[in-house]
N, C-alpha and C. Protein backbone atom coordinates (compact mmCIF):
# COMPACT_ATOMS: atom_id res chain seq x y z
N MET A 1 10.50 12.84 26.88
CA MET A 1 9.18 12.85 26.83
C MET A 1 8.89 12.40 25.25
N ARG A 2 7.71 11.83 25.40
CA ARG A 2 7.52 11.75 23.35
C ARG A 2 6.94 12.34 22.91
N LYS A 3 7.23 11.71 21.78
CA LYS A 3 6.63 12.99 20.55
C LYS A 3 5.48 12.62 19.81
N LEU A 4 4.43 14.40 19.78
CA LEU A 4 3.08 13.57 19.18
C LEU A 4 3.74 14.31 17.38
N THR A 5 3.23 12.80 16.69
CA THR A 5 3.62 12.83 14.85
C THR A 5 2.77 13.09 14.42
N TYR A 6 2.01 14.76 13.33
CA TYR A 6 1.20 14.67 12.46
C TYR A 6 1.14 13.98 11.14
N TYR A 7 1.15 12.85 11.38
CA TYR A 7 1.19 12.10 9.66
C TYR A 7 1.10 11.61 8.51
N ILE A 8 0.37 12.66 7.86
CA ILE A 8 -0.67 12.75 7.22
C ILE A 8 -1.02 13.64 5.84
N ALA A 9 -1.89 12.70 4.28
CA ALA A 9 -1.57 12.96 2.96
C ALA A 9 -2.13 14.13 3.12
N CYS A 10 -1.45 14.65 1.70
CA CYS A 10 -2.45 16.67 1.14
C CYS A 10 -1.90 16.29 -0.50
N SER A 11 -3.51 17.48 -0.46
CA SER A 11 -2.76 17.93 -1.96
C SER A 11 -1.41 19.16 -2.19
N ILE A 12 -0.71 18.87 -3.23
CA ILE A 12 0.21 20.40 -3.32
C ILE A 12 -0.38 21.89 -2.37
N ASP A 13 -1.83 21.79 -2.54
CA ASP A 13 -1.86 23.10 -2.19
C ASP A 13 -2.73 22.77 -0.81
N GLY A 14 -2.47 22.04 -0.22
CA GLY A 14 -2.55 21.80 1.70
C GLY A 14 -3.95 21.68 2.29
N PHE A 15 -4.53 20.17 1.31
CA PHE A 15 -6.30 19.52 1.93
C PHE A 15 -5.82 18.27 1.63
N ILE A 16 -6.59 17.65 2.52
CA ILE A 16 -6.16 16.52 3.43
C ILE A 16 -7.41 15.21 2.88
N GLY A 17 -8.65 15.80 2.32
CA GLY A 17 -9.68 15.16 0.91
C GLY A 17 -10.35 16.34 0.60
N ASP A 18 -11.65 15.86 -0.20
CA ASP A 18 -12.55 16.62 0.02
C ASP A 18 -13.42 17.38 0.65
N PRO A 19 -14.19 18.11 0.24
CA PRO A 19 -14.83 18.95 1.46
C PRO A 19 -15.51 18.10 2.85
N GLN A 20 -15.53 16.73 1.97
CA GLN A 20 -15.90 16.09 3.34
C GLN A 20 -15.70 14.88 4.02
N GLY A 21 -13.92 15.09 3.07
CA GLY A 21 -13.07 14.52 3.46
C GLY A 21 -12.30 12.86 2.88
N ASP A 22 -12.68 12.87 2.07
CA ASP A 22 -12.12 11.95 1.26
C ASP A 22 -11.15 12.38 -0.04
N ALA A 23 -10.59 11.47 1.10
CA ALA A 23 -9.25 11.29 0.13
C ALA A 23 -8.88 10.11 -1.04
N SER A 24 -9.72 9.75 -1.23
CA SER A 24 -9.35 8.48 -1.97
C SER A 24 -8.37 8.82 -3.20
N ALA A 25 -8.82 10.17 -3.82
CA ALA A 25 -8.14 10.68 -5.83
C ALA A 25 -6.63 10.10 -4.82
N MET A 26 -5.98 10.57 -3.78
CA MET A 26 -4.28 10.44 -3.78
C MET A 26 -3.83 9.09 -3.54
N PHE A 27 -4.95 7.96 -3.53
CA PHE A 27 -4.28 6.47 -3.48
C PHE A 27 -3.59 6.19 -4.69
N ALA A 28 -3.99 6.35 -6.01
CA ALA A 28 -3.47 6.28 -7.33
C ALA A 28 -1.85 6.57 -6.88
N PHE A 29 -1.61 6.95 -6.13
CA PHE A 29 -0.09 7.76 -5.95
C PHE A 29 1.00 6.45 -5.30
N VAL A 30 0.01 5.56 -4.77
CA VAL A 30 0.25 4.99 -4.14
C VAL A 30 1.17 3.30 -4.70
N ASP A 31 1.86 4.10 -5.47
CA ASP A 31 2.73 2.62 -5.98
C ASP A 31 4.48 2.18 -5.50
N GLU A 32 4.52 0.58 -5.84
CA GLU A 32 5.31 0.07 -5.69
C GLU A 32 7.03 0.59 -4.51
N GLU A 33 6.76 1.65 -5.56
CA GLU A 33 8.12 2.09 -4.99
C GLU A 33 7.72 3.26 -3.89
N PHE A 34 6.49 3.81 -3.23
CA PHE A 34 6.04 4.90 -3.01
C PHE A 34 5.95 3.72 -1.46
N PHE A 35 5.15 2.50 -1.90
CA PHE A 35 4.09 1.79 -0.77
C PHE A 35 5.93 0.72 -0.15
N GLY A 36 6.66 0.61 -1.01
CA GLY A 36 7.99 -0.48 -0.60
C GLY A 36 8.33 1.15 1.03
N PHE A 37 8.59 2.75 0.10
CA PHE A 37 8.72 3.45 1.28
C PHE A 37 8.02 3.19 2.68
N LEU A 38 6.64 3.20 3.05
CA LEU A 38 6.42 3.64 3.69
C LEU A 38 5.74 2.11 4.64
N ALA A 39 6.26 0.49 4.45
CA ALA A 39 6.51 -0.35 4.64
C ALA A 39 8.07 -0.52 5.16
N ALA A 40 8.31 0.33 4.82
CA ALA A 40 10.07 0.29 5.99
C ALA A 40 10.04 1.03 6.91
N GLU A 41 9.57 2.19 6.49
CA GLU A 41 9.83 3.27 7.66
C GLU A 41 8.63 3.38 8.54
N TYR A 42 7.57 3.77 7.83
CA TYR A 42 6.12 4.18 8.35
C TYR A 42 5.05 2.55 8.89
N PRO A 43 5.38 1.30 8.85
CA PRO A 43 4.82 0.13 8.85
C PRO A 43 3.43 0.37 9.55
N GLU A 44 3.99 1.37 10.83
CA GLU A 44 2.63 1.20 11.68
C GLU A 44 1.23 1.68 11.31
N THR A 45 1.66 3.15 10.37
CA THR A 45 0.44 3.99 9.94
C THR A 45 -0.07 3.39 8.67
N ILE A 46 0.09 1.99 8.38
CA ILE A 46 -0.89 1.42 7.98
C ILE A 46 -1.22 0.89 8.52
N PRO A 47 -2.96 1.02 8.25
CA PRO A 47 -3.95 0.61 8.27
C PRO A 47 -4.02 -1.25 9.33
N THR A 48 -4.09 -1.91 9.94
CA THR A 48 -3.79 -3.79 10.27
C THR A 48 -4.85 -4.47 9.11
N PRO A 49 -6.04 -3.74 8.85
CA PRO A 49 -6.60 -4.38 7.24
C PRO A 49 -5.56 -5.00 5.99
N GLY A 50 -5.29 -3.32 5.42
CA GLY A 50 -4.02 -3.02 4.82
C GLY A 50 -2.45 -4.02 4.81
N ARG A 51 -2.34 -4.17 5.86
CA ARG A 51 -1.16 -4.63 6.20
C ARG A 51 -1.12 -6.31 5.93
N ARG A 52 -2.59 -6.25 6.67
CA ARG A 52 -3.19 -8.00 6.55
C ARG A 52 -3.02 -8.35 4.58
N GLN A 53 -3.57 -7.63 4.39
CA GLN A 53 -3.98 -7.77 2.89
C GLN A 53 -2.74 -7.65 1.85
N THR A 54 -1.39 -6.61 2.25
CA THR A 54 -0.10 -6.92 1.21
C THR A 54 0.89 -7.72 2.74
N ASN A 55 0.18 -8.83 3.18
CA ASN A 55 1.00 -9.22 3.85
C ASN A 55 2.44 -8.54 5.11
N ILE A 56 2.23 -7.35 4.77
CA ILE A 56 3.28 -6.53 6.36
C ILE A 56 3.45 -7.13 7.61
N ASP A 57 1.82 -7.36 7.77
CA ASP A 57 1.90 -7.20 9.33
C ASP A 57 2.40 -7.30 10.18
N HIS A 58 3.11 -8.34 10.13
CA HIS A 58 4.65 -9.21 10.77
C HIS A 58 6.18 -8.65 10.24
N LEU A 59 5.55 -6.92 10.70
CA LEU A 59 7.16 -6.27 10.90
C LEU A 59 6.21 -5.32 11.44
N PRO A 60 7.69 -4.55 13.07
CA PRO A 60 7.25 -4.75 14.36
C PRO A 60 7.33 -2.38 13.72
N ASN A 61 7.17 -2.02 14.52
CA ASN A 61 6.39 -0.74 14.67
C ASN A 61 8.03 -0.51 14.49
N LYS A 62 8.29 1.02 14.35
CA LYS A 62 8.99 1.25 13.96
C LYS A 62 9.01 2.79 14.50
N ARG A 63 8.51 3.56 14.71
CA ARG A 63 8.00 5.19 15.23
C ARG A 63 6.89 4.35 16.56
N PHE A 64 5.79 4.44 15.82
CA PHE A 64 5.03 4.89 16.76
C PHE A 64 4.03 3.97 17.67
N ASP A 65 3.89 3.71 18.87
CA ASP A 65 2.52 2.34 19.71
C ASP A 65 0.96 2.40 20.06
N THR A 66 0.78 4.66 19.99
CA THR A 66 0.18 4.97 19.60
C THR A 66 -0.62 5.65 18.75
N ILE A 67 -1.94 5.60 18.70
CA ILE A 67 -2.55 6.70 17.60
C ILE A 67 -4.08 7.17 18.04
N VAL A 68 -3.90 8.58 18.06
CA VAL A 68 -4.65 9.36 17.77
C VAL A 68 -5.82 9.80 17.08
N GLN A 69 -6.87 10.06 16.93
CA GLN A 69 -7.39 10.59 15.77
C GLN A 69 -8.50 10.44 15.92
N GLY A 70 -9.56 11.33 14.32
CA GLY A 70 -10.19 12.18 15.17
C GLY A 70 -11.60 10.96 15.32
N ARG A 71 -12.95 11.38 15.19
CA ARG A 71 -13.99 11.19 14.72
C ARG A 71 -14.17 10.31 13.54
N ALA A 72 -14.41 11.41 12.83
CA ALA A 72 -14.94 11.47 11.14
C ALA A 72 -13.15 10.43 10.46
N SER A 73 -12.55 10.10 11.02
CA SER A 73 -10.94 9.42 10.74
C SER A 73 -11.50 8.00 10.95
N TYR A 74 -12.44 7.69 12.15
CA TYR A 74 -12.69 6.69 12.84
C TYR A 74 -13.72 5.98 11.83
N ASP A 75 -14.22 7.20 11.55
CA ASP A 75 -15.91 6.50 10.75
C ASP A 75 -15.18 5.83 9.68
N LEU A 76 -14.35 5.82 9.31
CA LEU A 76 -13.80 5.39 7.37
C LEU A 76 -14.01 3.95 8.20
N ALA A 77 -13.52 3.66 9.07
CA ALA A 77 -13.23 2.05 9.50
C ALA A 77 -14.42 1.61 9.05
N LEU A 78 -14.99 2.59 10.54
CA LEU A 78 -16.34 1.92 10.77
C LEU A 78 -17.09 1.14 9.94
N ARG A 79 -17.66 2.58 8.47
CA ARG A 79 -18.79 2.06 7.40
C ARG A 79 -17.90 0.59 6.61
N GLU A 80 -16.98 0.48 6.64
CA GLU A 80 -16.37 -0.81 6.39
C GLU A 80 -15.85 -2.24 7.34
N GLY A 81 -17.43 -1.71 8.86
CA GLY A 81 -17.38 -3.20 9.77
C GLY A 81 -16.22 -2.57 10.38
N VAL A 82 -14.70 -1.87 10.24
CA VAL A 82 -13.70 -2.18 10.74
C VAL A 82 -13.97 -1.39 12.24
N THR A 83 -13.68 -2.10 13.55
CA THR A 83 -13.59 -1.71 14.90
C THR A 83 -12.43 -1.25 15.32
N SER A 84 -11.34 -1.81 14.69
CA SER A 84 -10.26 -1.51 15.59
C SER A 84 -8.98 -1.43 14.20
N PRO A 85 -9.30 0.09 13.53
CA PRO A 85 -8.58 -0.03 12.59
C PRO A 85 -7.07 -0.27 12.48
N TYR A 86 -6.42 -0.06 13.63
CA TYR A 86 -4.50 0.16 13.81
C TYR A 86 -4.87 -0.63 15.08
N ALA A 87 -4.93 -1.73 15.05
CA ALA A 87 -4.79 -3.04 16.39
C ALA A 87 -3.90 -3.64 16.27
N HIS A 88 -2.33 -2.72 15.60
CA HIS A 88 -1.70 -3.37 15.84
C HIS A 88 -0.73 -1.92 17.30
N LEU A 89 -1.57 -0.88 16.70
CA LEU A 89 -1.33 0.15 18.40
C LEU A 89 -2.26 0.44 19.36
N ARG A 90 -1.66 0.99 20.63
CA ARG A 90 -2.93 1.49 21.34
C ARG A 90 -4.09 2.56 20.58
N GLU A 91 -5.08 2.34 20.75
CA GLU A 91 -5.64 3.47 19.47
C GLU A 91 -6.68 4.26 20.20
N TYR A 92 -6.87 5.09 20.41
CA TYR A 92 -7.61 6.58 21.34
C TYR A 92 -8.45 7.22 19.48
N VAL A 93 -9.88 7.35 19.94
CA VAL A 93 -10.80 8.58 19.14
C VAL A 93 -10.61 9.27 20.02
N ALA A 94 -10.73 11.01 20.03
CA ALA A 94 -11.40 11.99 19.99
C ALA A 94 -12.96 12.23 19.72
N SER A 95 -14.13 11.84 20.35
CA SER A 95 -15.09 11.63 20.22
C SER A 95 -15.75 12.11 21.27
N ARG A 96 -16.44 14.12 21.17
CA ARG A 96 -17.58 13.70 22.15
C ARG A 96 -19.04 13.53 22.31
N THR A 97 -19.75 12.75 20.74
CA THR A 97 -20.53 12.20 20.46
C THR A 97 -20.59 10.60 20.15
N LEU A 98 -19.46 9.87 20.44
CA LEU A 98 -19.43 7.92 19.77
C LEU A 98 -19.87 7.47 21.15
N GLY A 99 -19.83 7.96 22.42
CA GLY A 99 -19.52 7.56 23.35
C GLY A 99 -18.99 6.22 23.65
N GLU A 100 -19.96 5.24 24.23
CA GLU A 100 -18.90 4.60 24.31
C GLU A 100 -18.36 3.39 23.41
N SER A 101 -17.42 3.07 23.06
CA SER A 101 -16.01 2.44 22.70
C SER A 101 -16.97 0.99 21.39
N PRO A 102 -17.34 0.71 20.27
CA PRO A 102 -17.25 -0.22 20.04
C PRO A 102 -16.33 -1.03 19.80
N ASP A 103 -14.74 -0.95 20.32
CA ASP A 103 -13.65 -2.44 20.08
C ASP A 103 -12.97 -2.14 21.46
N PRO A 104 -12.84 -3.14 22.52
CA PRO A 104 -11.89 -3.25 22.94
C PRO A 104 -10.63 -2.49 23.41
N ASN A 105 -10.09 -2.56 22.33
CA ASN A 105 -8.70 -1.97 21.30
C ASN A 105 -9.26 -0.49 21.43
N VAL A 106 -9.99 0.08 21.68
CA VAL A 106 -10.51 1.33 20.97
C VAL A 106 -10.69 2.23 22.55
N GLU A 107 -10.32 2.72 22.84
CA GLU A 107 -10.66 3.85 24.08
C GLU A 107 -10.82 5.49 22.94
N ILE A 108 -11.93 5.97 24.11
CA ILE A 108 -12.73 6.92 23.18
C ILE A 108 -12.58 8.38 24.18
N ILE A 109 -11.63 9.38 23.96
CA ILE A 109 -11.44 10.25 24.21
C ILE A 109 -12.05 11.87 24.50
N ALA A 110 -13.14 11.93 25.39
CA ALA A 110 -14.82 12.89 24.74
C ALA A 110 -14.36 14.38 25.94
N ASP A 111 -13.68 14.44 26.40
CA ASP A 111 -13.00 15.56 26.82
C ASP A 111 -11.67 16.08 26.99
N ASP A 112 -11.23 17.04 27.33
CA ASP A 112 -10.07 17.58 27.41
C ASP A 112 -8.41 16.84 26.09
N LEU A 113 -8.55 16.70 25.31
CA LEU A 113 -8.41 15.89 24.51
C LEU A 113 -6.88 16.82 24.56
N PRO A 114 -6.43 18.28 25.01
CA PRO A 114 -5.10 18.22 24.85
C PRO A 114 -4.33 17.89 26.28
N GLY A 115 -5.16 17.47 27.74
CA GLY A 115 -4.54 17.55 28.37
C GLY A 115 -4.81 15.31 28.71
N ARG A 116 -5.41 14.71 27.76
CA ARG A 116 -5.13 13.33 27.16
C ARG A 116 -3.78 13.15 26.80
N VAL A 117 -3.66 13.84 25.22
CA VAL A 117 -1.95 13.81 25.00
C VAL A 117 -0.83 14.18 25.35
N ARG A 118 -1.41 15.13 26.77
CA ARG A 118 0.10 15.22 27.04
C ARG A 118 0.41 14.67 28.06
N ALA A 119 -0.84 13.74 28.13
CA ALA A 119 -0.44 12.89 29.38
C ALA A 119 0.04 11.22 28.70
N LEU A 120 -0.18 11.18 27.28
CA LEU A 120 0.63 10.28 26.66
C LEU A 120 1.46 10.82 26.09
N LYS A 121 1.87 11.69 25.62
CA LYS A 121 4.06 12.21 25.37
C LYS A 121 4.48 12.01 26.99
N ALA A 122 3.95 12.00 28.38
CA ALA A 122 4.24 12.10 29.33
C ALA A 122 5.07 10.81 29.15
N GLU A 123 4.02 9.75 28.95
CA GLU A 123 4.53 7.69 29.31
C GLU A 123 5.72 7.60 28.93
N ASP A 124 6.32 6.98 29.71
CA ASP A 124 7.36 6.75 29.29
C ASP A 124 8.02 5.22 28.63
N SER A 125 8.49 5.25 26.99
CA SER A 125 8.26 4.86 25.62
C SER A 125 8.99 5.28 24.67
N ALA A 126 9.34 4.31 24.49
CA ALA A 126 10.47 4.77 23.08
C ALA A 126 9.93 4.81 21.41
N TYR A 127 8.42 4.99 21.82
CA TYR A 127 8.25 5.33 20.50
C TYR A 127 6.77 6.18 20.58
N GLY A 128 6.68 7.33 19.99
CA GLY A 128 5.92 8.51 19.45
C GLY A 128 4.68 8.09 19.25
N VAL A 129 3.66 9.07 19.62
CA VAL A 129 2.80 9.60 19.77
C VAL A 129 2.01 9.65 18.16
N TYR A 130 1.40 8.55 17.46
CA TYR A 130 0.82 9.66 15.86
C TYR A 130 -0.65 9.76 15.60
N LEU A 131 -0.40 11.01 15.57
CA LEU A 131 -1.68 12.29 14.88
C LEU A 131 -2.03 11.64 14.08
N CYS A 132 -3.57 11.02 13.48
CA CYS A 132 -3.98 10.60 12.06
C CYS A 132 -5.16 11.51 11.89
N GLY A 133 -5.08 12.35 12.36
CA GLY A 133 -6.17 13.20 11.45
C GLY A 133 -7.56 13.24 11.75
N GLY A 134 -8.32 13.62 11.82
CA GLY A 134 -8.12 14.53 10.73
C GLY A 134 -8.04 16.36 11.14
N ALA A 135 -8.64 17.23 10.17
CA ALA A 135 -8.46 18.59 10.50
C ALA A 135 -8.87 19.54 11.67
N GLU A 136 -10.61 18.58 12.51
CA GLU A 136 -10.50 19.15 13.34
C GLU A 136 -9.62 19.09 14.36
N ILE A 137 -9.32 17.56 14.73
CA ILE A 137 -8.59 17.28 16.09
C ILE A 137 -6.65 17.78 15.45
N ALA A 138 -6.36 18.40 14.43
CA ALA A 138 -5.60 18.44 14.50
C ALA A 138 -5.07 19.54 14.58
N GLY A 139 -6.13 20.98 14.42
CA GLY A 139 -6.04 22.37 14.89
C GLY A 139 -6.39 22.43 16.45
N GLU A 140 -7.15 21.36 17.25
CA GLU A 140 -7.36 21.61 18.51
C GLU A 140 -5.93 21.12 19.39
N LEU A 141 -5.11 20.34 18.54
CA LEU A 141 -3.83 19.55 18.91
C LEU A 141 -2.58 20.33 18.51
N LEU A 142 -2.57 21.27 18.10
CA LEU A 142 -1.65 21.97 17.23
C LEU A 142 -0.68 22.52 18.04
N ASP A 143 -1.17 22.93 19.61
CA ASP A 143 0.23 23.61 20.31
C ASP A 143 0.85 22.42 20.61
N GLU A 144 0.03 20.56 20.98
CA GLU A 144 1.27 19.45 21.35
C GLU A 144 1.36 18.90 20.69
N ILE A 145 1.95 19.38 18.93
CA ILE A 145 2.24 18.51 18.11
C ILE A 145 3.86 19.15 17.91
N ASP A 146 4.60 18.73 17.92
CA ASP A 146 5.72 18.60 17.71
C ASP A 146 6.69 18.24 16.35
N GLU A 147 6.49 17.32 15.43
CA GLU A 147 6.76 17.03 14.09
C GLU A 147 5.09 16.55 13.18
N LEU A 148 6.04 17.14 12.07
CA LEU A 148 5.16 17.39 10.78
C LEU A 148 5.59 16.23 10.00
N ILE A 149 4.90 14.83 9.12
CA ILE A 149 5.35 14.45 8.14
C ILE A 149 4.37 14.71 7.29
N ILE A 150 4.90 15.01 6.13
CA ILE A 150 3.84 15.36 4.98
C ILE A 150 4.19 14.72 3.78
N LYS A 151 3.23 14.00 3.37
CA LYS A 151 3.08 12.50 2.34
C LYS A 151 2.47 14.00 1.05
N THR A 152 3.22 14.94 0.37
CA THR A 152 2.23 15.98 -0.11
C THR A 152 2.46 15.20 -1.95
N TYR A 153 0.56 14.67 -2.46
CA TYR A 153 0.64 13.92 -3.36
C TYR A 153 0.75 15.04 -4.69
N PRO A 154 0.93 15.27 -6.07
CA PRO A 154 0.93 15.76 -6.95
C PRO A 154 -0.41 16.11 -7.57
N ILE A 155 -1.65 16.59 -7.13
CA ILE A 155 -2.70 16.80 -7.37
C ILE A 155 -2.85 18.80 -7.32
N VAL A 156 -3.30 19.12 -7.38
CA VAL A 156 -4.18 20.51 -6.74
C VAL A 156 -5.82 20.12 -6.66
N GLN A 157 -6.48 20.24 -5.14
CA GLN A 157 -8.32 20.59 -5.07
C GLN A 157 -8.60 21.42 -5.80
N GLY A 158 -7.79 22.34 -5.12
CA GLY A 158 -8.68 23.72 -5.39
C GLY A 158 -9.53 24.27 -3.49
N SER A 159 -10.11 23.29 -3.71
CA SER A 159 -10.73 23.70 -1.61
C SER A 159 -10.69 22.09 -1.06
N GLY A 160 -11.62 22.07 0.18
CA GLY A 160 -11.38 20.51 0.46
C GLY A 160 -11.40 20.80 1.67
N MET A 161 -11.12 19.95 2.54
CA MET A 161 -10.10 19.53 3.62
C MET A 161 -9.45 19.98 4.53
N PRO A 162 -8.67 21.22 5.49
CA PRO A 162 -7.05 21.77 4.97
C PRO A 162 -6.64 20.55 5.69
N MET A 163 -5.25 20.67 6.36
CA MET A 163 -4.93 20.11 7.23
C MET A 163 -5.38 20.60 8.91
N PHE A 164 -5.48 21.64 8.90
CA PHE A 164 -5.65 22.35 10.22
C PHE A 164 -6.83 22.67 10.08
N ALA A 165 -7.80 22.80 10.90
CA ALA A 165 -9.14 23.53 11.27
C ALA A 165 -9.03 24.30 12.98
N ALA A 166 -8.47 26.36 12.48
CA ALA A 166 -7.71 26.22 13.37
C ALA A 166 -8.09 27.44 12.96
N GLY A 167 -8.25 28.32 14.38
CA GLY A 167 -7.96 30.35 14.14
C GLY A 167 -6.45 30.46 13.20
N PHE A 168 -6.13 31.35 13.27
CA PHE A 168 -5.68 32.07 12.41
C PHE A 168 -4.38 32.02 13.25
N SER A 169 -2.85 31.50 13.48
CA SER A 169 -1.74 31.71 14.26
C SER A 169 -0.93 31.25 13.51
N ILE A 170 0.50 31.77 13.87
CA ILE A 170 2.05 31.43 13.25
C ILE A 170 2.42 30.55 14.24
N THR A 171 2.75 29.21 13.45
CA THR A 171 3.58 27.96 14.17
C THR A 171 4.87 27.84 13.71
N GLN A 172 6.30 28.00 13.74
CA GLN A 172 6.66 27.71 13.59
C GLN A 172 7.45 26.41 13.59
N PHE A 173 7.70 25.96 12.11
CA PHE A 173 8.59 24.20 11.87
C PHE A 173 9.36 24.71 11.54
N ALA A 174 10.69 23.71 11.65
CA ALA A 174 12.47 23.69 10.62
C ALA A 174 12.05 21.98 10.13
N LEU A 175 12.64 22.79 8.68
CA LEU A 175 11.94 21.57 7.92
C LEU A 175 13.74 20.54 8.56
N GLU A 176 13.22 19.67 8.50
CA GLU A 176 14.05 18.27 8.24
C GLU A 176 14.71 17.46 7.66
N SER A 177 13.74 16.93 6.33
CA SER A 177 14.11 16.36 5.81
C SER A 177 13.78 16.84 4.78
N VAL A 178 13.48 16.22 2.87
CA VAL A 178 12.90 15.79 2.20
C VAL A 178 12.89 15.13 1.05
N ARG A 179 11.65 13.74 1.20
CA ARG A 179 12.35 13.02 -0.09
C ARG A 179 11.78 13.19 -1.69
N THR A 180 11.81 12.32 -2.53
CA THR A 180 11.43 12.67 -3.18
C THR A 180 10.69 11.25 -4.30
N PHE A 181 9.94 11.05 -4.71
CA PHE A 181 9.60 9.77 -4.97
C PHE A 181 9.42 10.08 -7.25
N GLY A 182 9.85 8.88 -7.76
CA GLY A 182 9.83 8.78 -9.06
C GLY A 182 7.92 9.74 -8.95
N ASN A 183 6.60 9.37 -8.64
CA ASN A 183 6.19 9.59 -8.94
C ASN A 183 5.22 10.73 -8.84
N GLY A 184 6.37 11.94 -8.64
CA GLY A 184 5.93 13.11 -7.64
C GLY A 184 5.54 13.58 -6.16
N VAL A 185 5.14 12.20 -5.63
CA VAL A 185 5.43 12.18 -3.97
C VAL A 185 6.43 13.03 -3.25
N LEU A 186 6.09 14.01 -2.87
CA LEU A 186 7.01 14.37 -1.67
C LEU A 186 6.48 14.02 -0.31
N VAL A 187 8.00 13.79 0.74
CA VAL A 187 7.96 13.68 1.66
C VAL A 187 8.41 14.23 2.54
N ARG A 188 8.01 15.37 2.87
CA ARG A 188 8.57 16.12 4.58
C ARG A 188 8.06 16.50 5.75
N THR A 189 9.65 16.37 6.87
CA THR A 189 9.77 15.73 7.32
C THR A 189 9.79 17.78 8.66
N TYR A 190 8.67 17.65 9.52
CA TYR A 190 9.89 19.04 10.16
C TYR A 190 9.16 19.42 11.81
N SER A 191 10.28 19.72 12.17
CA SER A 191 9.82 19.50 13.57
C SER A 191 9.61 20.66 14.39
N ARG A 192 9.20 20.90 15.39
CA ARG A 192 8.49 22.40 16.32
C ARG A 192 9.69 23.35 16.19
N LYS A 193 9.18 24.38 16.35
CA LYS A 193 10.43 24.59 16.85
C LYS A 193 9.47 25.93 17.89
N ARG A 194 10.81 25.29 19.18
CA ARG A 194 9.71 26.04 19.94
C ARG A 194 11.15 26.83 21.05
């Protein structure tokens, strides 16, 4: 069984974007040191256009071969005219409203998202499944998440889009590692306590 990993950026107070989901305030912290870490450890999490722009499109996937993202996250790419933002991965978009996929590399999951993700996790692969976000899809898939990798940026937003949009419940994770960077960014890895 492979893992579903929620790999996400957030503020110190746990927001992944402003109330509309815009996370551009965090981009300033992707300096040379931090980008070097991302490219070395998680190259497949960098969207294909960004990989090409930074000349790292040749890097092989290290942890994931599949991505699941919500409609709002996918819309960010569509607004830029990009229909396959992670062309180097198998792409799934959870949406009840998108209808037909605008790209042959992108499969739409319109219903039973948890069941579809369980099927992806049951596939035979050396690589995991990358949950890209956002809050609604993470809340819906909370029971399926096996690992959290949280890139915490040294900002406080006060309000915005939370990491999880879900009803109240306690779900325990165990801290596996913490990595700090000179710009104040922390990368924390947690595994699900089952």
